[in-house]
Structure formats: structure tokens, C-alpha cells
Amino acid sequence: MGRPQVEAYLQKVFDFPALVAQLPEGRQHPRHSCQTVFEAIFWGAVGRIGSFHHLEYECRAGRLRHRIGAISEDTFRYALERLSSEAVLTLGCAVARQLKRNGVLRTAATRGLVVAAVDGIEICRSFVRCCEACLERTVERVVAGGREAAVQYYHRLVAVVVVSTPFPIPLGIRFQAPGEGEGSCALALIQDLVGRLGRRFVDWWGMRST
């Protein structure tokens, strides 16, 4: 299936352009709208483009030059940093509800039930760079042949992913806040998704935290 067919499917089944149009702009006087940036990243994900550097090339001189046009990788980062995660989650939940309504998430292996897994992961560790949302801990590290204690900054996030389908479908993520446990973070994310998707969307079989 080529891109025109995919676009026609997205338009017919999800009214995807209308969903994208609802994304709020977080920048002042942008050269490229957040909708255009989101579409570029979306098609980059569809085409399995693995980096913003590669995506910049595809927008400037590759497969997306006519569909999107030239956008720099700095613009991708700047726009995403200011794009409302709440709005993106709302868009994703709208798509997920339609997928279930159309029977796409049904599988014989789970007797038609939709099963999701909840798990946490740690990302972005650094002894130097940090932000207001960073978690902190004191660890020992080797410096000049000796061991010394140092403050390490890092992030943890919890993700909910549908695992009963032939390929995993992410439903939502939530970053763990300072002073918050992984279990509390996961519960808050689940409650948020239940409110958006409805209690009958997923049949929860269990939750595992690592």
C-alpha cells in the first residue's frame, strides 16, 4: 500500500487531517506549523526513518520533499519540545477508539479481548545535564582511578502498550515525577487512559513493573 492509499484510509476511517488540525501551536510566529512538523514526523515513523537528521534529508531532497518540504532537524526538536503532550495523547486515544470500533484490535489468541502491558523504563542519564523534571540519585563512579559519589540526573517513564495484536500499539506514556514511585506513576497513567478510552476498552490482566 502506497502513501496515497494510506492517506485515503486515514482520511476515510479516522478523519486524520481534522485530528491533526486540532493540535495547538506552542510557538510564536513559526515558519512551519506544528501540524506540518507533526505530519513530517508521522510519515517519518511510517517510513521507519530512524533519526531527525535523516528526516531532514528526506524533507529537503528525499521522499517527503513534495509532501512536506524542507524542515531542519532543529525545527523538529524545537517544535516537539513545545507541542502539547496532552493534545497528542488525545489524538492517539481517538485513533485507538476507532481501531477498536472497527475490530482491528480483536485477535483469536485472546478471544477478542484487548490486552495491554504496563512497564517502566529509565532514559537520559547524565552527571552534567539536567532539567526541572529530572529525577536525582547519588551513585558511585570511577574518576581518575578512584571512586567518588556523584549526583546523577535521569528520567523514568511508564508506558501502556497493547500487546494482544500482531504488533505492539502504544496507548500512552507518562514521565515519573520527582518523589513519585513507578507504581503511582503507572496507576495515574492508567486512570487517565480509562477516562479517555472508557473502562471497557482494555481488559487488564495484570501490571508488571521492572
C-alpha atoms as a PDB file:
ATOM      1  CA  MET A   1       0.000   0.000   0.000  1.00  0.00           C
ATOM      2  CA  GLY A   2       1.464   3.323  -1.106  1.00  0.00           C
ATOM      3  CA  ARG A   3       1.252   6.674   0.647  1.00  0.00           C
ATOM      4  CA  PRO A   4      -1.798   7.900  -1.338  1.00  0.00           C
ATOM      5  CA  GLN A   5      -3.716   4.780  -0.288  1.00  0.00           C
ATOM      6  CA  VAL A   6      -2.625   5.221   3.329  1.00  0.00           C
ATOM      7  CA  GLU A   7      -3.672   8.882   3.278  1.00  0.00           C
ATOM      8  CA  ALA A   8      -7.062   7.943   1.818  1.00  0.00           C
ATOM      9  CA  TYR A   9      -7.524   5.322   4.561  1.00  0.00           C
ATOM     10  CA  LEU A  10      -6.579   7.788   7.298  1.00  0.00           C
ATOM     11  CA  GLN A  11      -8.982  10.351   5.878  1.00  0.00           C
ATOM     12  CA  LYS A  12     -11.891   7.932   5.485  1.00  0.00           C
ATOM     13  CA  VAL A  13     -11.561   5.963   8.733  1.00  0.00           C
ATOM     14  CA  PHE A  14     -10.126   8.460  11.218  1.00  0.00           C
ATOM     15  CA  ASP A  15     -10.634  11.885   9.616  1.00  0.00           C
ATOM     16  CA  PHE A  16      -6.939  12.171  10.462  1.00  0.00           C
ATOM     17  CA  PRO A  17      -6.323  15.641   8.963  1.00  0.00           C
ATOM     18  CA  ALA A  18      -9.043  17.060  11.220  1.00  0.00           C
ATOM     19  CA  LEU A  19      -7.436  15.422  14.273  1.00  0.00           C
ATOM     20  CA  VAL A  20      -4.024  16.838  13.362  1.00  0.00           C
ATOM     21  CA  ALA A  21      -5.538  20.281  12.746  1.00  0.00           C
ATOM     22  CA  GLN A  22      -6.641  20.373  16.396  1.00  0.00           C
ATOM     23  CA  LEU A  23      -3.051  20.249  17.660  1.00  0.00           C
ATOM     24  CA  PRO A  24      -2.305  23.590  19.363  1.00  0.00           C
ATOM     25  CA  GLU A  25       0.678  25.676  18.285  1.00  0.00           C
ATOM     26  CA  GLY A  26       3.161  26.195  21.105  1.00  0.00           C
ATOM     27  CA  ARG A  27       5.466  28.636  19.282  1.00  0.00           C
ATOM     28  CA  GLN A  28       5.193  32.248  18.236  1.00  0.00           C
ATOM     29  CA  HIS A  29       5.414  33.090  14.531  1.00  0.00           C
ATOM     30  CA  PRO A  30       6.614  29.629  13.407  1.00  0.00           C
ATOM     31  CA  ARG A  31       7.866  29.198   9.861  1.00  0.00           C
ATOM     32  CA  HIS A  32       6.414  25.685   9.785  1.00  0.00           C
ATOM     33  CA  SER A  33       3.174  24.964  11.648  1.00  0.00           C
ATOM     34  CA  CYS A  34       3.101  22.292  14.331  1.00  0.00           C
ATOM     35  CA  GLN A  35       0.676  20.361  12.083  1.00  0.00           C
ATOM     36  CA  THR A  36       3.275  20.259   9.304  1.00  0.00           C
ATOM     37  CA  VAL A  37       6.005  19.215  11.736  1.00  0.00           C
ATOM     38  CA  PHE A  38       3.745  16.508  13.200  1.00  0.00           C
ATOM     39  CA  GLU A  39       2.897  15.192   9.732  1.00  0.00           C
ATOM     40  CA  ALA A  40       6.585  15.046   8.813  1.00  0.00           C
ATOM     41  CA  ILE A  41       7.403  13.055  11.933  1.00  0.00           C
ATOM     42  CA  PHE A  42       4.349  10.836  11.420  1.00  0.00           C
ATOM     43  CA  TRP A  43       5.363   9.938   7.867  1.00  0.00           C
ATOM     44  CA  GLY A  44       8.928   9.514   9.034  1.00  0.00           C
ATOM     45  CA  ALA A  45       7.718   6.923  11.538  1.00  0.00           C
ATOM     46  CA  VAL A  46       5.619   5.211   8.870  1.00  0.00           C
ATOM     47  CA  GLY A  47       8.683   5.081   6.617  1.00  0.00           C
ATOM     48  CA  ARG A  48      10.877   3.874   9.510  1.00  0.00           C
ATOM     49  CA  ILE A  49      13.153   6.900   9.299  1.00  0.00           C
ATOM     50  CA  GLY A  50      15.299   6.485  12.372  1.00  0.00           C
ATOM     51  CA  SER A  51      16.602   9.992  13.120  1.00  0.00           C
ATOM     52  CA  PHE A  52      15.736  13.667  12.731  1.00  0.00           C
ATOM     53  CA  HIS A  53      18.918  14.085  10.693  1.00  0.00           C
ATOM     54  CA  HIS A  54      17.684  11.509   8.182  1.00  0.00           C
ATOM     55  CA  LEU A  55      14.173  13.000   8.292  1.00  0.00           C
ATOM     56  CA  GLU A  56      15.588  16.445   7.474  1.00  0.00           C
ATOM     57  CA  TYR A  57      17.211  14.997   4.374  1.00  0.00           C
ATOM     58  CA  GLU A  58      14.000  13.253   3.288  1.00  0.00           C
ATOM     59  CA  CYS A  59      12.040  16.508   3.681  1.00  0.00           C
ATOM     60  CA  ARG A  60      14.649  18.547   1.834  1.00  0.00           C
ATOM     61  CA  ALA A  61      15.637  16.223  -1.019  1.00  0.00           C
ATOM     62  CA  GLY A  62      14.080  12.805  -0.471  1.00  0.00           C
ATOM     63  CA  ARG A  63      10.700  11.105  -0.351  1.00  0.00           C
ATOM     64  CA  LEU A  64       8.963  13.886   1.602  1.00  0.00           C
ATOM     65  CA  ARG A  65      10.244  16.903  -0.322  1.00  0.00           C
ATOM     66  CA  HIS A  66       6.947  17.377  -2.207  1.00  0.00           C
ATOM     67  CA  ARG A  67       4.616  16.256   0.590  1.00  0.00           C
ATOM     68  CA  ILE A  68       6.231  18.267   3.410  1.00  0.00           C
ATOM     69  CA  GLY A  69       9.055  20.490   2.138  1.00  0.00           C
ATOM     70  CA  ALA A  70      12.367  21.442   3.724  1.00  0.00           C
ATOM     71  CA  ILE A  71      12.366  21.365   7.545  1.00  0.00           C
ATOM     72  CA  SER A  72      15.513  21.304   9.681  1.00  0.00           C
ATOM     73  CA  GLU A  73      16.144  18.827  12.464  1.00  0.00           C
ATOM     74  CA  ASP A  74      16.445  21.779  14.872  1.00  0.00           C
ATOM     75  CA  THR A  75      12.878  22.742  13.959  1.00  0.00           C
ATOM     76  CA  PHE A  76      11.684  19.211  14.727  1.00  0.00           C
ATOM     77  CA  ARG A  77      13.242  19.345  18.196  1.00  0.00           C
ATOM     78  CA  TYR A  78      12.102  22.900  18.961  1.00  0.00           C
ATOM     79  CA  ALA A  79       8.520  22.245  17.817  1.00  0.00           C
ATOM     80  CA  LEU A  80       8.206  18.931  19.679  1.00  0.00           C
ATOM     81  CA  GLU A  81       9.520  20.496  22.877  1.00  0.00           C
ATOM     82  CA  ARG A  82       6.622  22.969  22.726  1.00  0.00           C
ATOM     83  CA  LEU A  83       3.943  20.627  21.398  1.00  0.00           C
ATOM     84  CA  SER A  84       1.282  19.769  23.975  1.00  0.00           C
ATOM     85  CA  SER A  85       1.678  16.147  25.078  1.00  0.00           C
ATOM     86  CA  GLU A  86      -1.939  16.316  26.257  1.00  0.00           C
ATOM     87  CA  ALA A  87      -3.106  17.090  22.719  1.00  0.00           C
ATOM     88  CA  VAL A  88      -1.013  14.281  21.216  1.00  0.00           C
ATOM     89  CA  LEU A  89      -2.430  11.815  23.763  1.00  0.00           C
ATOM     90  CA  THR A  90      -5.969  12.945  22.907  1.00  0.00           C
ATOM     91  CA  LEU A  91      -5.256  12.351  19.215  1.00  0.00           C
ATOM     92  CA  GLY A  92      -3.811   8.902  19.897  1.00  0.00           C
ATOM     93  CA  CYS A  93      -6.803   7.884  22.039  1.00  0.00           C
ATOM     94  CA  ALA A  94      -9.206   8.973  19.289  1.00  0.00           C
ATOM     95  CA  VAL A  95      -7.367   6.739  16.831  1.00  0.00           C
ATOM     96  CA  ALA A  96      -7.286   3.829  19.312  1.00  0.00           C
ATOM     97  CA  ARG A  97     -11.035   4.044  19.963  1.00  0.00           C
ATOM     98  CA  GLN A  98     -11.741   3.931  16.221  1.00  0.00           C
ATOM     99  CA  LEU A  99      -9.387   0.977  15.764  1.00  0.00           C
ATOM    100  CA  LYS A 100     -11.269  -0.997  18.392  1.00  0.00           C
ATOM    101  CA  ARG A 101     -14.644   0.064  16.993  1.00  0.00           C
ATOM    102  CA  ASN A 102     -13.554  -1.281  13.585  1.00  0.00           C
ATOM    103  CA  GLY A 103     -12.429  -4.594  15.087  1.00  0.00           C
ATOM    104  CA  VAL A 104      -8.761  -4.091  14.211  1.00  0.00           C
ATOM    105  CA  LEU A 105      -7.620  -4.918  17.760  1.00  0.00           C
ATOM    106  CA  ARG A 106      -9.530  -8.213  18.012  1.00  0.00           C
ATOM    107  CA  THR A 107      -7.431 -11.385  17.991  1.00  0.00           C
ATOM    108  CA  ALA A 108      -8.352 -15.055  18.239  1.00  0.00           C
ATOM    109  CA  ALA A 109      -5.496 -15.711  20.688  1.00  0.00           C
ATOM    110  CA  THR A 110      -7.131 -13.517  23.344  1.00  0.00           C
ATOM    111  CA  ARG A 111     -10.717 -14.409  22.366  1.00  0.00           C
ATOM    112  CA  GLY A 112     -11.432 -10.897  21.168  1.00  0.00           C
ATOM    113  CA  LEU A 113     -10.104  -9.195  24.299  1.00  0.00           C
ATOM    114  CA  VAL A 114      -7.719  -6.254  24.094  1.00  0.00           C
ATOM    115  CA  VAL A 115      -4.761  -6.817  26.421  1.00  0.00           C
ATOM    116  CA  ALA A 116      -2.256  -4.126  27.351  1.00  0.00           C
ATOM    117  CA  ALA A 117       1.037  -4.275  29.240  1.00  0.00           C
ATOM    118  CA  VAL A 118       2.295  -1.591  31.622  1.00  0.00           C
ATOM    119  CA  ASP A 119       6.009  -1.183  32.184  1.00  0.00           C
ATOM    120  CA  GLY A 120       8.576   1.424  33.167  1.00  0.00           C
ATOM    121  CA  ILE A 121      11.911   2.330  31.618  1.00  0.00           C
ATOM    122  CA  GLU A 122      14.772   4.631  32.553  1.00  0.00           C
ATOM    123  CA  ILE A 123      16.181   7.075  29.981  1.00  0.00           C
ATOM    124  CA  CYS A 124      18.534  10.057  29.617  1.00  0.00           C
ATOM    125  CA  ARG A 125      21.079   9.524  32.407  1.00  0.00           C
ATOM    126  CA  SER A 126      23.673  12.254  32.936  1.00  0.00           C
ATOM    127  CA  PHE A 127      26.025  13.609  35.584  1.00  0.00           C
ATOM    128  CA  VAL A 128      26.040  17.072  33.967  1.00  0.00           C
ATOM    129  CA  ARG A 129      22.870  17.922  32.073  1.00  0.00           C
ATOM    130  CA  CYS A 130      19.539  18.223  33.870  1.00  0.00           C
ATOM    131  CA  CYS A 131      16.129  19.886  33.755  1.00  0.00           C
ATOM    132  CA  GLU A 132      13.428  20.812  36.266  1.00  0.00           C
ATOM    133  CA  ALA A 133      11.674  17.459  35.757  1.00  0.00           C
ATOM    134  CA  CYS A 134      14.815  15.333  36.300  1.00  0.00           C
ATOM    135  CA  LEU A 135      14.965  12.679  38.977  1.00  0.00           C
ATOM    136  CA  GLU A 136      18.154  12.612  41.044  1.00  0.00           C
ATOM    137  CA  ARG A 137      20.189   9.997  42.874  1.00  0.00           C
ATOM    138  CA  THR A 138      23.669   9.683  44.314  1.00  0.00           C
ATOM    139  CA  VAL A 139      25.843   6.967  42.784  1.00  0.00           C
ATOM    140  CA  GLU A 140      29.495   5.997  42.942  1.00  0.00           C
ATOM    141  CA  ARG A 141      31.610   6.308  39.832  1.00  0.00           C
ATOM    142  CA  VAL A 142      35.269   5.854  38.956  1.00  0.00           C
ATOM    143  CA  VAL A 143      37.179   9.120  38.457  1.00  0.00           C
ATOM    144  CA  ALA A 144      40.967   9.183  37.885  1.00  0.00           C
ATOM    145  CA  GLY A 145      41.288   5.640  39.162  1.00  0.00           C
ATOM    146  CA  GLY A 146      39.337   6.295  42.363  1.00  0.00           C
ATOM    147  CA  ARG A 147      35.690   6.036  43.371  1.00  0.00           C
ATOM    148  CA  GLU A 148      33.644   9.064  44.320  1.00  0.00           C
ATOM    149  CA  ALA A 149      29.995   9.859  44.960  1.00  0.00           C
ATOM    150  CA  ALA A 150      28.214  11.990  42.367  1.00  0.00           C
ATOM    151  CA  VAL A 151      24.680  13.163  41.684  1.00  0.00           C
ATOM    152  CA  GLN A 152      23.171  11.505  38.638  1.00  0.00           C
ATOM    153  CA  TYR A 153      20.205  13.016  36.780  1.00  0.00           C
ATOM    154  CA  TYR A 154      17.783  10.814  34.889  1.00  0.00           C
ATOM    155  CA  HIS A 155      14.206  10.313  33.720  1.00  0.00           C
ATOM    156  CA  ARG A 156      11.849   7.382  34.112  1.00  0.00           C
ATOM    157  CA  LEU A 157       8.659   6.898  32.179  1.00  0.00           C
ATOM    158  CA  VAL A 158       5.800   4.429  32.227  1.00  0.00           C
ATOM    159  CA  ALA A 159       4.182   3.189  29.015  1.00  0.00           C
ATOM    160  CA  VAL A 160       0.920   1.363  28.302  1.00  0.00           C
ATOM    161  CA  VAL A 161       1.077  -0.752  25.146  1.00  0.00           C
ATOM    162  CA  VAL A 162      -1.468  -3.077  23.534  1.00  0.00           C
ATOM    163  CA  VAL A 163       0.293  -6.457  23.291  1.00  0.00           C
ATOM    164  CA  SER A 164      -2.524  -8.716  22.088  1.00  0.00           C
ATOM    165  CA  THR A 165      -2.179  -7.518  18.488  1.00  0.00           C
ATOM    166  CA  PRO A 166       0.333  -8.860  15.930  1.00  0.00           C
ATOM    167  CA  PHE A 167       2.446  -5.732  16.578  1.00  0.00           C
ATOM    168  CA  PRO A 168       2.520  -3.574  19.737  1.00  0.00           C
ATOM    169  CA  ILE A 169       0.387  -0.412  19.768  1.00  0.00           C
ATOM    170  CA  PRO A 170       1.370   2.270  22.312  1.00  0.00           C
ATOM    171  CA  LEU A 171      -1.594   3.910  24.051  1.00  0.00           C
ATOM    172  CA  GLY A 172       0.196   6.432  26.256  1.00  0.00           C
ATOM    173  CA  ILE A 173       3.274   7.349  28.272  1.00  0.00           C
ATOM    174  CA  ARG A 174       3.788   9.322  31.458  1.00  0.00           C
ATOM    175  CA  PHE A 175       7.038  10.640  32.914  1.00  0.00           C
ATOM    176  CA  GLN A 176       7.624   9.813  36.547  1.00  0.00           C
ATOM    177  CA  ALA A 177       7.687  12.957  38.671  1.00  0.00           C
ATOM    178  CA  PRO A 178      10.253  13.649  41.438  1.00  0.00           C
ATOM    179  CA  GLY A 179       9.117  11.930  44.630  1.00  0.00           C
ATOM    180  CA  GLU A 180       6.671   9.689  42.737  1.00  0.00           C
ATOM    181  CA  GLY A 181       7.003   5.902  42.649  1.00  0.00           C
ATOM    182  CA  GLU A 182       6.772   3.874  39.463  1.00  0.00           C
ATOM    183  CA  GLY A 183       3.587   2.180  40.658  1.00  0.00           C
ATOM    184  CA  SER A 184       1.905   5.520  41.391  1.00  0.00           C
ATOM    185  CA  CYS A 185       3.003   6.843  38.008  1.00  0.00           C
ATOM    186  CA  ALA A 186       1.582   3.762  36.249  1.00  0.00           C
ATOM    187  CA  LEU A 187      -1.703   3.982  38.161  1.00  0.00           C
ATOM    188  CA  ALA A 188      -2.085   7.675  37.257  1.00  0.00           C
ATOM    189  CA  LEU A 189      -1.483   6.882  33.578  1.00  0.00           C
ATOM    190  CA  ILE A 190      -3.996   4.012  33.623  1.00  0.00           C
ATOM    191  CA  GLN A 191      -6.619   6.179  35.277  1.00  0.00           C
ATOM    192  CA  ASP A 192      -6.039   8.883  32.670  1.00  0.00           C
ATOM    193  CA  LEU A 193      -6.396   6.374  29.821  1.00  0.00           C
ATOM    194  CA  VAL A 194      -9.519   4.839  31.369  1.00  0.00           C
ATOM    195  CA  GLY A 195     -11.057   8.302  31.472  1.00  0.00           C
ATOM    196  CA  ARG A 196     -10.203   8.891  27.820  1.00  0.00           C
ATOM    197  CA  LEU A 197     -10.863   5.428  26.380  1.00  0.00           C
ATOM    198  CA  GLY A 198     -13.550   4.056  28.699  1.00  0.00           C
ATOM    199  CA  ARG A 199     -13.310   1.264  31.254  1.00  0.00           C
ATOM    200  CA  ARG A 200     -14.265  -1.415  28.701  1.00  0.00           C
ATOM    201  CA  PHE A 201     -11.542  -0.542  26.183  1.00  0.00           C
ATOM    202  CA  VAL A 202      -8.855  -2.806  27.659  1.00  0.00           C
ATOM    203  CA  ASP A 203      -9.296  -5.965  29.706  1.00  0.00           C
ATOM    204  CA  TRP A 204      -6.449  -5.615  32.192  1.00  0.00           C
ATOM    205  CA  TRP A 205      -4.893  -8.955  33.055  1.00  0.00           C
ATOM    206  CA  GLY A 206      -2.170  -7.576  35.272  1.00  0.00           C
ATOM    207  CA  MET A 207       0.520  -4.985  35.683  1.00  0.00           C
ATOM    208  CA  ARG A 208       4.239  -5.640  35.911  1.00  0.00           C
ATOM    209  CA  SER A 209       6.794  -3.070  36.986  1.00  0.00           C
ATOM    210  CA  THR A 210      10.529  -3.507  36.444  1.00  0.00           C
END
